[in-house]
């Protein structure tokens, strides 16, 4: 869990992902192409500690270990939570500090 929290706190907008996960790809595209922000993406399937990271994300409350989205060091959740925030208009205010023009 230490590595998860360290990475999440060091990177304002963070996505824990797997390279073969279509929902991870979708969330990443939402942030980068649709919302215009650049998340730091950590592919846990390419990390030797990936299994431990996956377990830590589940212990932290992720309904699914990937994608796991952190904004400002805080766990937002997985695809369902991110999409709910986006559709309700509550995601953009959270991302304001991460736009490049700020």
PDB file of N, CA and C in Angstrom:
ATOM      1  N   UNK A   1       0.821  -1.190   0.000  1.00  0.00           N
ATOM      2  CA  UNK A   1       0.000   0.000   0.000  1.00  0.00           C
ATOM      3  C   UNK A   1       0.866   1.255   0.000  1.00  0.00           C
ATOM      4  N   UNK A   2       2.079   1.147   0.536  1.00  0.00           N
ATOM      5  CA  UNK A   2       2.970   2.307   0.569  1.00  0.00           C
ATOM      6  C   UNK A   2       3.291   2.804  -0.830  1.00  0.00           C
ATOM      7  N   UNK A   3       3.567   1.887  -1.755  1.00  0.00           N
ATOM      8  CA  UNK A   3       3.905   2.282  -3.123  1.00  0.00           C
ATOM      9  C   UNK A   3       2.711   2.953  -3.790  1.00  0.00           C
ATOM     10  N   UNK A   4       1.513   2.437  -3.564  1.00  0.00           N
ATOM     11  CA  UNK A   4       0.307   3.033  -4.140  1.00  0.00           C
ATOM     12  C   UNK A   4       0.151   4.462  -3.646  1.00  0.00           C
ATOM     13  N   UNK A   5       0.245   4.656  -2.343  1.00  0.00           N
ATOM     14  CA  UNK A   5       0.056   6.001  -1.772  1.00  0.00           C
ATOM     15  C   UNK A   5       1.178   6.950  -2.201  1.00  0.00           C
ATOM     16  N   UNK A   6       2.399   6.437  -2.290  1.00  0.00           N
ATOM     17  CA  UNK A   6       3.517   7.289  -2.719  1.00  0.00           C
ATOM     18  C   UNK A   6       3.302   7.764  -4.154  1.00  0.00           C
ATOM     19  N   UNK A   7       2.972   6.833  -5.048  1.00  0.00           N
ATOM     20  CA  UNK A   7       2.748   7.205  -6.450  1.00  0.00           C
ATOM     21  C   UNK A   7       1.557   8.150  -6.590  1.00  0.00           C
ATOM     22  N   UNK A   8       0.487   7.873  -5.852  1.00  0.00           N
ATOM     23  CA  UNK A   8      -0.705   8.716  -5.935  1.00  0.00           C
ATOM     24  C   UNK A   8      -0.431  10.121  -5.409  1.00  0.00           C
ATOM     25  N   UNK A   9       0.372  10.248  -4.362  1.00  0.00           N
ATOM     26  CA  UNK A   9       0.653  11.578  -3.815  1.00  0.00           C
ATOM     27  C   UNK A   9       1.680  12.341  -4.651  1.00  0.00           C
ATOM     28  N   UNK A  10       2.569  11.626  -5.333  1.00  0.00           N
ATOM     29  CA  UNK A  10       3.578  12.278  -6.184  1.00  0.00           C
ATOM     30  C   UNK A  10       3.006  12.744  -7.517  1.00  0.00           C
ATOM     31  N   UNK A  11       1.909  12.142  -7.946  1.00  0.00           N
ATOM     32  CA  UNK A  11       1.321  12.446  -9.252  1.00  0.00           C
ATOM     33  C   UNK A  11      -0.120  12.888  -9.026  1.00  0.00           C
ATOM     34  N   UNK A  12      -0.396  14.146  -9.297  1.00  0.00           N
ATOM     35  CA  UNK A  12      -1.714  14.706  -9.009  1.00  0.00           C
ATOM     36  C   UNK A  12      -2.865  13.942  -9.623  1.00  0.00           C
ATOM     37  N   UNK A  13      -2.699  13.506 -10.859  1.00  0.00           N
ATOM     38  CA  UNK A  13      -3.726  12.736 -11.560  1.00  0.00           C
ATOM     39  C   UNK A  13      -3.103  11.406 -11.948  1.00  0.00           C
ATOM     40  N   UNK A  14      -3.574  10.349 -11.323  1.00  0.00           N
ATOM     41  CA  UNK A  14      -2.911   9.047 -11.416  1.00  0.00           C
ATOM     42  C   UNK A  14      -3.919   7.967 -11.761  1.00  0.00           C
ATOM     43  N   UNK A  15      -3.551   7.095 -12.698  1.00  0.00           N
ATOM     44  CA  UNK A  15      -4.377   5.944 -13.036  1.00  0.00           C
ATOM     45  C   UNK A  15      -3.518   4.685 -12.912  1.00  0.00           C
ATOM     46  N   UNK A  16      -3.948   3.769 -12.057  1.00  0.00           N
ATOM     47  CA  UNK A  16      -3.351   2.440 -12.029  1.00  0.00           C
ATOM     48  C   UNK A  16      -4.104   1.627 -13.058  1.00  0.00           C
ATOM     49  N   UNK A  17      -3.378   0.984 -13.952  1.00  0.00           N
ATOM     50  CA  UNK A  17      -3.960   0.386 -15.143  1.00  0.00           C
ATOM     51  C   UNK A  17      -3.299  -0.950 -15.442  1.00  0.00           C
ATOM     52  N   UNK A  18      -3.890  -1.680 -16.382  1.00  0.00           N
ATOM     53  CA  UNK A  18      -3.257  -2.856 -16.984  1.00  0.00           C
ATOM     54  C   UNK A  18      -3.288  -2.646 -18.488  1.00  0.00           C
ATOM     55  N   UNK A  19      -2.202  -2.994 -19.149  1.00  0.00           N
ATOM     56  CA  UNK A  19      -2.084  -2.732 -20.581  1.00  0.00           C
ATOM     57  C   UNK A  19      -3.119  -3.480 -21.417  1.00  0.00           C
ATOM     58  N   UNK A  20      -3.675  -4.563 -20.898  1.00  0.00           N
ATOM     59  CA  UNK A  20      -4.650  -5.345 -21.656  1.00  0.00           C
ATOM     60  C   UNK A  20      -6.102  -5.026 -21.286  1.00  0.00           C
ATOM     61  N   UNK A  21      -6.330  -4.026 -20.453  1.00  0.00           N
ATOM     62  CA  UNK A  21      -7.665  -3.719 -19.928  1.00  0.00           C
ATOM     63  C   UNK A  21      -8.355  -2.655 -20.781  1.00  0.00           C
ATOM     64  N   UNK A  22      -9.490  -3.021 -21.385  1.00  0.00           N
ATOM     65  CA  UNK A  22     -10.200  -2.079 -22.254  1.00  0.00           C
ATOM     66  C   UNK A  22     -10.842  -0.943 -21.454  1.00  0.00           C
ATOM     67  N   UNK A  23     -11.279  -1.192 -20.218  1.00  0.00           N
ATOM     68  CA  UNK A  23     -11.839  -0.116 -19.395  1.00  0.00           C
ATOM     69  C   UNK A  23     -10.756   0.875 -18.971  1.00  0.00           C
ATOM     70  N   UNK A  24      -9.567   0.374 -18.735  1.00  0.00           N
ATOM     71  CA  UNK A  24      -8.431   1.256 -18.423  1.00  0.00           C
ATOM     72  C   UNK A  24      -8.159   2.180 -19.597  1.00  0.00           C
ATOM     73  N   UNK A  25      -8.149   1.627 -20.784  1.00  0.00           N
ATOM     74  CA  UNK A  25      -7.930   2.409 -22.000  1.00  0.00           C
ATOM     75  C   UNK A  25      -9.014   3.481 -22.135  1.00  0.00           C
ATOM     76  N   UNK A  26     -10.260   3.108 -21.884  1.00  0.00           N
ATOM     77  CA  UNK A  26     -11.379   4.038 -22.006  1.00  0.00           C
ATOM     78  C   UNK A  26     -11.253   5.199 -21.023  1.00  0.00           C
ATOM     79  N   UNK A  27     -10.911   4.901 -19.783  1.00  0.00           N
ATOM     80  CA  UNK A  27     -10.751   5.957 -18.778  1.00  0.00           C
ATOM     81  C   UNK A  27      -9.583   6.865 -19.144  1.00  0.00           C
ATOM     82  N   UNK A  28      -8.497   6.286 -19.608  1.00  0.00           N
ATOM     83  CA  UNK A  28      -7.344   7.080 -20.019  1.00  0.00           C
ATOM     84  C   UNK A  28      -7.710   8.018 -21.179  1.00  0.00           C
ATOM     85  N   UNK A  29      -8.445   7.519 -22.153  1.00  0.00           N
ATOM     86  CA  UNK A  29      -8.882   8.340 -23.293  1.00  0.00           C
ATOM     87  C   UNK A  29      -9.825   9.440 -22.830  1.00  0.00           C
ATOM     88  N   UNK A  30     -10.702   9.127 -21.888  1.00  0.00           N
ATOM     89  CA  UNK A  30     -11.594  10.155 -21.338  1.00  0.00           C
ATOM     90  C   UNK A  30     -10.780  11.323 -20.797  1.00  0.00           C
ATOM     91  N   UNK A  31      -9.780  11.018 -19.977  1.00  0.00           N
ATOM     92  CA  UNK A  31      -8.970  12.082 -19.392  1.00  0.00           C
ATOM     93  C   UNK A  31      -8.127  12.806 -20.443  1.00  0.00           C
ATOM     94  N   UNK A  32      -7.400  12.065 -21.250  1.00  0.00           N
ATOM     95  CA  UNK A  32      -6.441  12.698 -22.158  1.00  0.00           C
ATOM     96  C   UNK A  32      -7.099  13.330 -23.384  1.00  0.00           C
ATOM     97  N   UNK A  33      -7.988  12.621 -24.050  1.00  0.00           N
ATOM     98  CA  UNK A  33      -8.560  13.144 -25.297  1.00  0.00           C
ATOM     99  C   UNK A  33      -9.815  13.981 -25.082  1.00  0.00           C
ATOM    100  N   UNK A  34     -10.684  13.549 -24.201  1.00  0.00           N
ATOM    101  CA  UNK A  34     -11.950  14.252 -24.010  1.00  0.00           C
ATOM    102  C   UNK A  34     -11.846  15.428 -23.039  1.00  0.00           C
ATOM    103  N   UNK A  35     -11.099  15.236 -21.945  1.00  0.00           N
ATOM    104  CA  UNK A  35     -11.023  16.268 -20.918  1.00  0.00           C
ATOM    105  C   UNK A  35      -9.749  17.090 -20.986  1.00  0.00           C
ATOM    106  N   UNK A  36      -8.775  16.652 -21.776  1.00  0.00           N
ATOM    107  CA  UNK A  36      -7.573  17.448 -22.022  1.00  0.00           C
ATOM    108  C   UNK A  36      -6.565  17.503 -20.896  1.00  0.00           C
ATOM    109  N   UNK A  37      -6.538  16.489 -20.040  1.00  0.00           N
ATOM    110  CA  UNK A  37      -5.526  16.439 -18.988  1.00  0.00           C
ATOM    111  C   UNK A  37      -4.643  15.219 -19.228  1.00  0.00           C
ATOM    112  N   UNK A  38      -3.461  15.233 -18.643  1.00  0.00           N
ATOM    113  CA  UNK A  38      -2.505  14.145 -18.860  1.00  0.00           C
ATOM    114  C   UNK A  38      -2.252  13.394 -17.564  1.00  0.00           C
ATOM    115  N   UNK A  39      -2.951  12.289 -17.373  1.00  0.00           N
ATOM    116  CA  UNK A  39      -2.714  11.514 -16.155  1.00  0.00           C
ATOM    117  C   UNK A  39      -1.400  10.751 -16.230  1.00  0.00           C
ATOM    118  N   UNK A  40      -0.831  10.478 -15.071  1.00  0.00           N
ATOM    119  CA  UNK A  40       0.285   9.553 -14.987  1.00  0.00           C
ATOM    120  C   UNK A  40      -0.329   8.164 -14.928  1.00  0.00           C
ATOM    121  N   UNK A  41       0.016   7.303 -15.867  1.00  0.00           N
ATOM    122  CA  UNK A  41      -0.548   5.957 -15.937  1.00  0.00           C
ATOM    123  C   UNK A  41       0.524   4.954 -15.517  1.00  0.00           C
ATOM    124  N   UNK A  42       0.200   4.166 -14.509  1.00  0.00           N
ATOM    125  CA  UNK A  42       1.118   3.135 -14.023  1.00  0.00           C
ATOM    126  C   UNK A  42       0.530   1.777 -14.384  1.00  0.00           C
ATOM    127  N   UNK A  43       1.177   1.095 -15.311  1.00  0.00           N
ATOM    128  CA  UNK A  43       0.720  -0.218 -15.773  1.00  0.00           C
ATOM    129  C   UNK A  43       1.181  -1.277 -14.771  1.00  0.00           C
ATOM    130  N   UNK A  44       0.252  -1.763 -13.956  1.00  0.00           N
ATOM    131  CA  UNK A  44       0.665  -2.690 -12.902  1.00  0.00           C
ATOM    132  C   UNK A  44       1.057  -4.060 -13.438  1.00  0.00           C
ATOM    133  N   UNK A  45       0.621  -4.388 -14.652  1.00  0.00           N
ATOM    134  CA  UNK A  45       1.043  -5.675 -15.222  1.00  0.00           C
ATOM    135  C   UNK A  45       2.484  -5.630 -15.730  1.00  0.00           C
ATOM    136  N   UNK A  46       3.081  -4.458 -15.739  1.00  0.00           N
ATOM    137  CA  UNK A  46       4.477  -4.314 -16.140  1.00  0.00           C
ATOM    138  C   UNK A  46       5.373  -3.982 -14.946  1.00  0.00           C
ATOM    139  N   UNK A  47       4.805  -4.063 -13.751  1.00  0.00           N
ATOM    140  CA  UNK A  47       5.521  -3.760 -12.516  1.00  0.00           C
ATOM    141  C   UNK A  47       5.742  -5.074 -11.764  1.00  0.00           C
ATOM    142  N   UNK A  48       6.972  -5.372 -11.347  1.00  0.00           N
ATOM    143  CA  UNK A  48       7.224  -6.608 -10.605  1.00  0.00           C
ATOM    144  C   UNK A  48       6.384  -6.709  -9.323  1.00  0.00           C
ATOM    145  N   UNK A  49       5.955  -5.573  -8.793  1.00  0.00           N
ATOM    146  CA  UNK A  49       5.126  -5.554  -7.588  1.00  0.00           C
ATOM    147  C   UNK A  49       3.638  -5.434  -7.922  1.00  0.00           C
ATOM    148  N   UNK A  50       3.283  -5.728  -9.159  1.00  0.00           N
ATOM    149  CA  UNK A  50       1.921  -5.538  -9.628  1.00  0.00           C
ATOM    150  C   UNK A  50       0.856  -6.263  -8.827  1.00  0.00           C
ATOM    151  N   UNK A  51       1.121  -7.501  -8.456  1.00  0.00           N
ATOM    152  CA  UNK A  51       0.132  -8.267  -7.667  1.00  0.00           C
ATOM    153  C   UNK A  51      -0.109  -7.616  -6.307  1.00  0.00           C
ATOM    154  N   UNK A  52       0.957  -7.133  -5.678  1.00  0.00           N
ATOM    155  CA  UNK A  52       0.820  -6.464  -4.383  1.00  0.00           C
ATOM    156  C   UNK A  52       0.052  -5.144  -4.538  1.00  0.00           C
ATOM    157  N   UNK A  53       0.311  -4.421  -5.620  1.00  0.00           N
ATOM    158  CA  UNK A  53      -0.412  -3.176  -5.887  1.00  0.00           C
ATOM    159  C   UNK A  53      -1.894  -3.474  -6.080  1.00  0.00           C
ATOM    160  N   UNK A  54      -2.181  -4.510  -6.836  1.00  0.00           N
ATOM    161  CA  UNK A  54      -3.570  -4.902  -7.085  1.00  0.00           C
ATOM    162  C   UNK A  54      -4.286  -5.213  -5.769  1.00  0.00           C
ATOM    163  N   UNK A  55      -3.643  -5.974  -4.889  1.00  0.00           N
ATOM    164  CA  UNK A  55      -4.227  -6.300  -3.589  1.00  0.00           C
ATOM    165  C   UNK A  55      -4.431  -5.048  -2.743  1.00  0.00           C
ATOM    166  N   UNK A  56      -3.458  -4.147  -2.784  1.00  0.00           N
ATOM    167  CA  UNK A  56      -3.570  -2.902  -2.014  1.00  0.00           C
ATOM    168  C   UNK A  56      -4.736  -2.057  -2.501  1.00  0.00           C
ATOM    169  N   UNK A  57      -4.933  -1.983  -3.811  1.00  0.00           N
ATOM    170  CA  UNK A  57      -6.044  -1.200  -4.358  1.00  0.00           C
ATOM    171  C   UNK A  57      -7.388  -1.778  -3.923  1.00  0.00           C
ATOM    172  N   UNK A  58      -7.495  -3.080  -3.881  1.00  0.00           N
ATOM    173  CA  UNK A  58      -8.736  -3.713  -3.419  1.00  0.00           C
ATOM    174  C   UNK A  58      -8.951  -3.424  -1.932  1.00  0.00           C
ATOM    175  N   UNK A  59      -7.883  -3.507  -1.133  1.00  0.00           N
ATOM    176  CA  UNK A  59      -7.996  -3.197   0.300  1.00  0.00           C
ATOM    177  C   UNK A  59      -8.403  -1.746   0.528  1.00  0.00           C
ATOM    178  N   UNK A  60      -8.012  -0.866  -0.390  1.00  0.00           N
ATOM    179  CA  UNK A  60      -8.347   0.548  -0.251  1.00  0.00           C
ATOM    180  C   UNK A  60      -9.802   0.835  -0.627  1.00  0.00           C
ATOM    181  N   UNK A  61     -10.478  -0.140  -1.212  1.00  0.00           N
ATOM    182  CA  UNK A  61     -11.886   0.046  -1.511  1.00  0.00           C
ATOM    183  C   UNK A  61     -12.240   0.091  -2.984  1.00  0.00           C
ATOM    184  N   UNK A  62     -11.288  -0.178  -3.858  1.00  0.00           N
ATOM    185  CA  UNK A  62     -11.603  -0.219  -5.290  1.00  0.00           C
ATOM    186  C   UNK A  62     -12.504  -1.421  -5.562  1.00  0.00           C
ATOM    187  N   UNK A  63     -13.600  -1.168  -6.246  1.00  0.00           N
ATOM    188  CA  UNK A  63     -14.499  -2.264  -6.598  1.00  0.00           C
ATOM    189  C   UNK A  63     -13.819  -3.212  -7.581  1.00  0.00           C
ATOM    190  N   UNK A  64     -12.978  -2.656  -8.410  1.00  0.00           N
ATOM    191  CA  UNK A  64     -12.162  -3.411  -9.350  1.00  0.00           C
ATOM    192  C   UNK A  64     -10.758  -2.826  -9.240  1.00  0.00           C
ATOM    193  N   UNK A  65      -9.713  -3.649  -9.213  1.00  0.00           N
ATOM    194  CA  UNK A  65      -8.378  -3.091  -8.996  1.00  0.00           C
ATOM    195  C   UNK A  65      -7.915  -2.133 -10.096  1.00  0.00           C
ATOM    196  N   UNK A  66      -8.392  -2.328 -11.316  1.00  0.00           N
ATOM    197  CA  UNK A  66      -8.035  -1.400 -12.396  1.00  0.00           C
ATOM    198  C   UNK A  66      -9.257  -1.128 -13.262  1.00  0.00           C
ATOM    199  N   UNK A  67      -9.375   0.052 -13.808  1.00  0.00           N
ATOM    200  CA  UNK A  67      -8.547   1.207 -13.506  1.00  0.00           C
ATOM    201  C   UNK A  67      -8.857   1.757 -12.121  1.00  0.00           C
ATOM    202  N   UNK A  68      -7.843   2.232 -11.442  1.00  0.00           N
ATOM    203  CA  UNK A  68      -7.995   2.898 -10.159  1.00  0.00           C
ATOM    204  C   UNK A  68      -7.499   4.325 -10.345  1.00  0.00           C
ATOM    205  N   UNK A  69      -8.395   5.267 -10.160  1.00  0.00           N
ATOM    206  CA  UNK A  69      -8.086   6.675 -10.424  1.00  0.00           C
ATOM    207  C   UNK A  69      -7.915   7.422  -9.107  1.00  0.00           C
ATOM    208  N   UNK A  70      -6.808   8.148  -9.025  1.00  0.00           N
ATOM    209  CA  UNK A  70      -6.532   9.016  -7.882  1.00  0.00           C
ATOM    210  C   UNK A  70      -6.430  10.447  -8.403  1.00  0.00           C
ATOM    211  N   UNK A  71      -7.047  11.360  -7.698  1.00  0.00           N
ATOM    212  CA  UNK A  71      -6.934  12.785  -8.026  1.00  0.00           C
ATOM    213  C   UNK A  71      -6.521  13.499  -6.748  1.00  0.00           C
ATOM    214  N   UNK A  72      -5.414  14.225  -6.831  1.00  0.00           N
ATOM    215  CA  UNK A  72      -4.907  14.922  -5.656  1.00  0.00           C
ATOM    216  C   UNK A  72      -4.548  13.984  -4.519  1.00  0.00           C
ATOM    217  N   UNK A  73      -4.070  12.789  -4.848  1.00  0.00           N
ATOM    218  CA  UNK A  73      -3.663  11.830  -3.838  1.00  0.00           C
ATOM    219  C   UNK A  73      -4.801  11.058  -3.202  1.00  0.00           C
ATOM    220  N   UNK A  74      -6.029  11.319  -3.631  1.00  0.00           N
ATOM    221  CA  UNK A  74      -7.192  10.644  -3.049  1.00  0.00           C
ATOM    222  C   UNK A  74      -7.817   9.696  -4.064  1.00  0.00           C
ATOM    223  N   UNK A  75      -8.213   8.534  -3.591  1.00  0.00           N
ATOM    224  CA  UNK A  75      -8.847   7.545  -4.447  1.00  0.00           C
ATOM    225  C   UNK A  75     -10.229   8.039  -4.859  1.00  0.00           C
ATOM    226  N   UNK A  76     -10.439   8.137  -6.170  1.00  0.00           N
ATOM    227  CA  UNK A  76     -11.749   8.483  -6.718  1.00  0.00           C
ATOM    228  C   UNK A  76     -12.535   7.210  -6.968  1.00  0.00           C
ATOM    229  N   UNK A  77     -11.873   6.200  -7.498  1.00  0.00           N
ATOM    230  CA  UNK A  77     -12.520   4.922  -7.735  1.00  0.00           C
ATOM    231  C   UNK A  77     -12.154   4.365  -9.091  1.00  0.00           C
ATOM    232  N   UNK A  78     -13.029   3.497  -9.566  1.00  0.00           N
ATOM    233  CA  UNK A  78     -12.816   2.822 -10.839  1.00  0.00           C
ATOM    234  C   UNK A  78     -13.706   3.447 -11.907  1.00  0.00           C
ATOM    235  N   UNK A  79     -13.946   2.719 -12.952  1.00  0.00           N
ATOM    236  CA  UNK A  79     -14.688   3.234 -14.103  1.00  0.00           C
ATOM    237  C   UNK A  79     -16.055   3.779 -13.718  1.00  0.00           C
ATOM    238  N   UNK A  80     -16.818   3.043 -12.924  1.00  0.00           N
ATOM    239  CA  UNK A  80     -18.167   3.487 -12.561  1.00  0.00           C
ATOM    240  C   UNK A  80     -18.155   4.823 -11.832  1.00  0.00           C
ATOM    241  N   UNK A  81     -17.267   4.974 -10.875  1.00  0.00           N
ATOM    242  CA  UNK A  81     -17.198   6.212 -10.108  1.00  0.00           C
ATOM    243  C   UNK A  81     -16.753   7.388 -10.982  1.00  0.00           C
ATOM    244  N   UNK A  82     -15.758   7.150 -11.822  1.00  0.00           N
ATOM    245  CA  UNK A  82     -15.262   8.209 -12.710  1.00  0.00           C
ATOM    246  C   UNK A  82     -16.349   8.645 -13.686  1.00  0.00           C
ATOM    247  N   UNK A  83     -17.032   7.684 -14.291  1.00  0.00           N
ATOM    248  CA  UNK A  83     -18.081   8.026 -15.255  1.00  0.00           C
ATOM    249  C   UNK A  83     -19.258   8.720 -14.570  1.00  0.00           C
ATOM    250  N   UNK A  84     -19.622   8.306 -13.368  1.00  0.00           N
ATOM    251  CA  UNK A  84     -20.697   8.969 -12.628  1.00  0.00           C
ATOM    252  C   UNK A  84     -20.333  10.417 -12.335  1.00  0.00           C
ATOM    253  N   UNK A  85     -19.096  10.645 -11.899  1.00  0.00           N
ATOM    254  CA  UNK A  85     -18.638  12.016 -11.653  1.00  0.00           C
ATOM    255  C   UNK A  85     -18.663  12.837 -12.938  1.00  0.00           C
ATOM    256  N   UNK A  86     -18.210  12.238 -14.022  1.00  0.00           N
ATOM    257  CA  UNK A  86     -18.166  12.947 -15.306  1.00  0.00           C
ATOM    258  C   UNK A  86     -19.575  13.314 -15.779  1.00  0.00           C
ATOM    259  N   UNK A  87     -20.489  12.358 -15.742  1.00  0.00           N
ATOM    260  CA  UNK A  87     -21.847  12.607 -16.234  1.00  0.00           C
ATOM    261  C   UNK A  87     -22.623  13.579 -15.353  1.00  0.00           C
ATOM    262  N   UNK A  88     -22.287  13.637 -14.074  1.00  0.00           N
ATOM    263  CA  UNK A  88     -22.967  14.573 -13.174  1.00  0.00           C
ATOM    264  C   UNK A  88     -22.342  15.966 -13.190  1.00  0.00           C
ATOM    265  N   UNK A  89     -21.213  16.115 -13.907  1.00  0.00           N
ATOM    266  CA  UNK A  89     -20.538  17.410 -13.973  1.00  0.00           C
ATOM    267  C   UNK A  89     -19.602  17.676 -12.810  1.00  0.00           C
ATOM    268  N   UNK A  90     -19.348  16.677 -11.991  1.00  0.00           N
ATOM    269  CA  UNK A  90     -18.501  16.866 -10.812  1.00  0.00           C
ATOM    270  C   UNK A  90     -17.045  16.464 -11.011  1.00  0.00           C
ATOM    271  N   UNK A  91     -16.694  15.958 -12.193  1.00  0.00           N
ATOM    272  CA  UNK A  91     -15.309  15.553 -12.434  1.00  0.00           C
ATOM    273  C   UNK A  91     -14.437  16.740 -12.833  1.00  0.00           C
ATOM    274  N   UNK A  92     -14.933  17.592 -13.703  1.00  0.00           N
ATOM    275  CA  UNK A  92     -14.127  18.731 -14.174  1.00  0.00           C
ATOM    276  C   UNK A  92     -13.602  19.614 -13.048  1.00  0.00           C
ATOM    277  N   UNK A  93     -14.412  19.961 -12.042  1.00  0.00           N
ATOM    278  CA  UNK A  93     -13.856  20.776 -10.956  1.00  0.00           C
ATOM    279  C   UNK A  93     -12.690  20.105 -10.235  1.00  0.00           C
ATOM    280  N   UNK A  94     -12.727  18.794 -10.125  1.00  0.00           N
ATOM    281  CA  UNK A  94     -11.621  18.079  -9.482  1.00  0.00           C
ATOM    282  C   UNK A  94     -10.345  18.138 -10.321  1.00  0.00           C
ATOM    283  N   UNK A  95     -10.509  18.258 -11.632  1.00  0.00           N
ATOM    284  CA  UNK A  95      -9.364  18.241 -12.553  1.00  0.00           C
ATOM    285  C   UNK A  95      -8.777  19.619 -12.815  1.00  0.00           C
ATOM    286  N   UNK A  96      -9.454  20.657 -12.392  1.00  0.00           N
ATOM    287  CA  UNK A  96      -9.023  22.029 -12.687  1.00  0.00           C
ATOM    288  C   UNK A  96      -7.533  22.284 -12.414  1.00  0.00           C
ATOM    289  N   UNK A  97      -6.980  21.822 -11.284  1.00  0.00           N
ATOM    290  CA  UNK A  97      -5.553  22.080 -11.030  1.00  0.00           C
ATOM    291  C   UNK A  97      -4.606  21.381 -12.008  1.00  0.00           C
ATOM    292  N   UNK A  98      -5.110  20.435 -12.800  1.00  0.00           N
ATOM    293  CA  UNK A  98      -4.243  19.622 -13.649  1.00  0.00           C
ATOM    294  C   UNK A  98      -4.288  20.007 -15.109  1.00  0.00           C
ATOM    295  N   UNK A  99      -4.991  21.071 -15.424  1.00  0.00           N
ATOM    296  CA  UNK A  99      -4.962  21.567 -16.804  1.00  0.00           C
ATOM    297  C   UNK A  99      -3.672  22.334 -17.005  1.00  0.00           C
ATOM    298  N   UNK A 100      -3.069  22.187 -18.168  1.00  0.00           N
ATOM    299  CA  UNK A 100      -1.752  22.772 -18.432  1.00  0.00           C
ATOM    300  C   UNK A 100      -1.752  24.288 -18.454  1.00  0.00           C
ATOM    301  N   UNK A 101      -2.902  24.929 -18.652  1.00  0.00           N
ATOM    302  CA  UNK A 101      -2.915  26.392 -18.698  1.00  0.00           C
ATOM    303  C   UNK A 101      -2.952  27.013 -17.304  1.00  0.00           C
ATOM    304  N   UNK A 102      -3.049  26.209 -16.248  1.00  0.00           N
ATOM    305  CA  UNK A 102      -3.068  26.751 -14.887  1.00  0.00           C
ATOM    306  C   UNK A 102      -1.675  27.035 -14.403  1.00  0.00           C
TER     307      UNK A 102
END
